[in-house]
Protein backbone atom coordinates (compact mmCIF):
# COMPACT_ATOMS: atom_id res chain seq x y z
CA MET A 1 265.77 102.16 -73.61
CA ARG A 2 267.63 103.07 -76.82
CA ARG A 3 264.91 101.40 -78.81
CA ILE A 4 262.18 103.55 -77.16
CA ILE A 5 264.15 106.75 -77.80
CA ALA A 6 264.68 105.73 -81.44
CA ILE A 7 260.93 105.07 -81.87
CA ILE A 8 260.02 108.42 -80.29
CA LEU A 9 262.49 110.27 -82.53
CA ALA A 10 261.17 108.47 -85.61
CA LEU A 11 257.58 109.41 -84.68
CA LEU A 12 258.59 113.05 -84.17
CA CYS A 13 260.24 113.12 -87.60
CA VAL A 14 257.16 111.66 -89.28
CA MET A 15 254.83 114.10 -87.47
CA SER A 16 256.98 117.09 -88.47
CA LEU A 17 256.89 115.94 -92.11
CA PHE A 18 253.08 115.80 -92.05
CA ALA A 19 252.88 119.21 -90.40
CA ALA A 20 255.19 120.78 -93.00
CA CYS A 21 253.34 119.22 -95.95
CA GLY A 22 249.92 120.49 -94.89
CA LYS A 23 251.00 124.09 -94.41
CA GLU A 24 250.60 126.42 -97.40
CA ALA A 25 253.08 129.26 -97.69
CA GLU A 26 251.67 132.77 -97.80
CA PRO A 27 252.48 134.82 -100.90
CA GLU A 28 255.61 136.90 -100.44
CA THR A 29 255.79 140.39 -101.89
CA ILE A 30 259.05 141.11 -103.66
CA PRO A 31 260.07 144.77 -103.32
CA THR A 32 260.49 146.13 -106.85
CA GLU A 33 259.61 149.09 -108.97
CA SER A 34 256.06 149.12 -110.40
CA PRO A 35 254.53 146.91 -111.72
CA THR A 36 253.99 144.89 -108.55
CA LYS A 37 255.51 141.40 -108.39
CA LEU A 38 254.16 138.69 -106.13
CA ARG A 39 255.83 135.38 -105.38
CA THR A 40 253.10 132.75 -105.19
CA LYS A 41 252.98 129.75 -102.88
CA TYR A 42 254.20 127.61 -105.77
CA GLY A 43 257.43 129.60 -106.08
CA ASN A 44 256.64 131.30 -109.38
CA THR A 45 256.31 135.05 -109.77
CA ALA A 46 253.14 136.83 -110.86
CA VAL A 47 253.30 140.42 -112.12
CA TYR A 48 250.46 142.86 -111.49
CA GLN A 49 249.94 146.49 -112.45
CA SER A 50 248.63 147.52 -109.02
CA ARG A 51 248.32 146.53 -105.38
CA PHE A 52 245.91 148.07 -102.89
CA ILE A 53 243.92 147.39 -99.74
CA TYR A 54 240.15 146.98 -100.13
CA GLU A 55 238.25 147.58 -96.88
CA VAL A 56 234.58 147.29 -96.08
CA ILE A 57 233.09 148.63 -92.85
CA ASN A 58 230.05 146.37 -92.87
CA PRO A 59 226.56 147.05 -91.44
CA GLU A 60 227.67 145.57 -88.09
CA GLY A 61 230.57 148.05 -87.94
CA LYS A 62 233.25 145.38 -88.42
CA ILE A 63 236.16 146.05 -90.79
CA GLU A 64 236.87 143.49 -93.50
CA SER A 65 240.26 144.12 -95.10
CA TYR A 66 241.75 142.45 -98.19
CA GLU A 67 245.01 142.97 -100.09
CA ILE A 68 244.19 143.09 -103.81
CA TYR A 69 246.55 142.56 -106.74
CA SER A 70 245.19 143.53 -110.14
CA ASP A 71 246.18 144.05 -113.76
CA GLN A 72 243.89 147.10 -113.83
CA THR A 73 245.12 150.64 -113.18
CA ARG A 74 241.70 152.15 -112.37
CA LEU A 75 239.85 151.28 -109.15
CA ASP A 76 236.44 150.80 -110.78
CA ALA A 77 237.91 148.32 -113.27
CA ALA A 78 239.84 146.43 -110.56
CA LEU A 79 236.77 146.08 -108.30
CA THR A 80 234.72 144.84 -111.24
CA GLU A 81 237.49 142.47 -112.43
CA LYS A 82 237.76 140.89 -108.98
CA ALA A 83 233.93 140.58 -108.73
CA LEU A 84 233.90 142.74 -105.60
CA ALA A 85 231.56 145.46 -106.83
CA ASP A 86 229.30 146.61 -109.61
CA ILE A 87 229.68 150.24 -110.68
CA ASP A 88 227.06 151.98 -112.79
CA SER A 89 227.73 154.66 -115.43
CA GLU A 90 227.44 157.43 -112.81
CA GLY A 91 229.96 155.76 -110.52
CA HIS A 92 227.53 154.44 -107.92
CA VAL A 93 228.93 151.39 -106.15
CA SER A 94 227.10 148.20 -105.26
CA LEU A 95 229.26 145.81 -103.25
CA ARG A 96 228.41 142.28 -104.34
CA LYS A 97 228.74 140.77 -100.85
CA TYR A 98 226.18 143.28 -99.54
CA SER A 99 223.76 143.59 -102.43
CA ASP A 100 220.67 144.44 -100.32
CA ILE A 101 221.36 147.59 -98.32
CA SER A 102 218.12 149.50 -98.80
CA GLY A 103 218.06 152.70 -96.76
CA ALA A 104 221.86 153.03 -96.86
CA TYR A 105 224.81 153.72 -99.16
CA TRP A 106 228.57 153.11 -99.24
CA LYS A 107 230.62 156.13 -98.15
CA PHE A 108 233.98 156.03 -99.93
CA TYR A 109 237.37 156.83 -98.36
CA VAL A 110 240.91 156.93 -99.77
CA ASN A 111 243.62 156.38 -97.14
CA GLY A 112 241.11 157.24 -94.40
CA VAL A 113 239.96 160.53 -95.99
CA TYR A 114 236.38 160.89 -97.29
CA TYR A 115 236.47 161.01 -101.09
CA PRO A 116 233.19 162.41 -102.48
CA ALA A 117 234.17 162.03 -106.16
CA GLY A 118 233.73 158.24 -106.00
CA VAL A 119 235.56 155.38 -107.67
CA LYS A 120 234.80 156.03 -111.33
CA ASP A 121 238.02 156.55 -113.32
CA LEU A 122 240.12 156.82 -110.12
CA GLU A 123 243.71 155.75 -110.81
CA ILE A 124 244.95 153.18 -108.29
CA GLU A 125 247.73 154.43 -106.04
CA ASP A 126 250.03 151.50 -105.24
CA GLY A 127 249.57 150.48 -101.59
CA ALA A 128 246.60 152.80 -100.98
CA VAL A 129 243.68 151.85 -98.76
CA TYR A 130 240.25 152.18 -100.39
CA SER A 131 237.41 151.88 -97.88
CA PHE A 132 233.66 151.58 -98.22
CA ALA A 133 231.68 152.35 -95.06
CA TYR A 134 228.06 151.28 -94.68
CA THR A 135 226.17 154.51 -93.97
CA PRO A 136 222.41 154.78 -93.30
CA ILE A 137 220.78 157.44 -95.52
CA GLU A 138 219.75 159.63 -92.55
CA GLU A 139 223.48 160.20 -91.77
CA LYS A 140 224.13 161.66 -95.23
């Protein structure tokens, strides 16, 4: 009986080791003054100039939300750097994931409030939520 219990305990220890090895730790934000610091899954610390939430309300009405860390201080530069969007000289946005949206445009919001000025030269507010909502042209 002792032998069976010892085997079961040994198996449980081995299984817990495999479970712990396969699990990747999520990055942990370290509260500090700006610039933003992020502890990576490897234990080292990365320093970024800004942190914000990038949201897309896609054509199906579903919200896709991503936490973005960037060395850029302007939103247009950060979105371009992260290959999330292309922004022309007038500030018009083309989200790379949704490149073909004929008959619609991306309505831009900052912290849930419609922002008609667009993303061009907008300074990133640390922790802000920047949203792009798919909007058919007839709703303009």
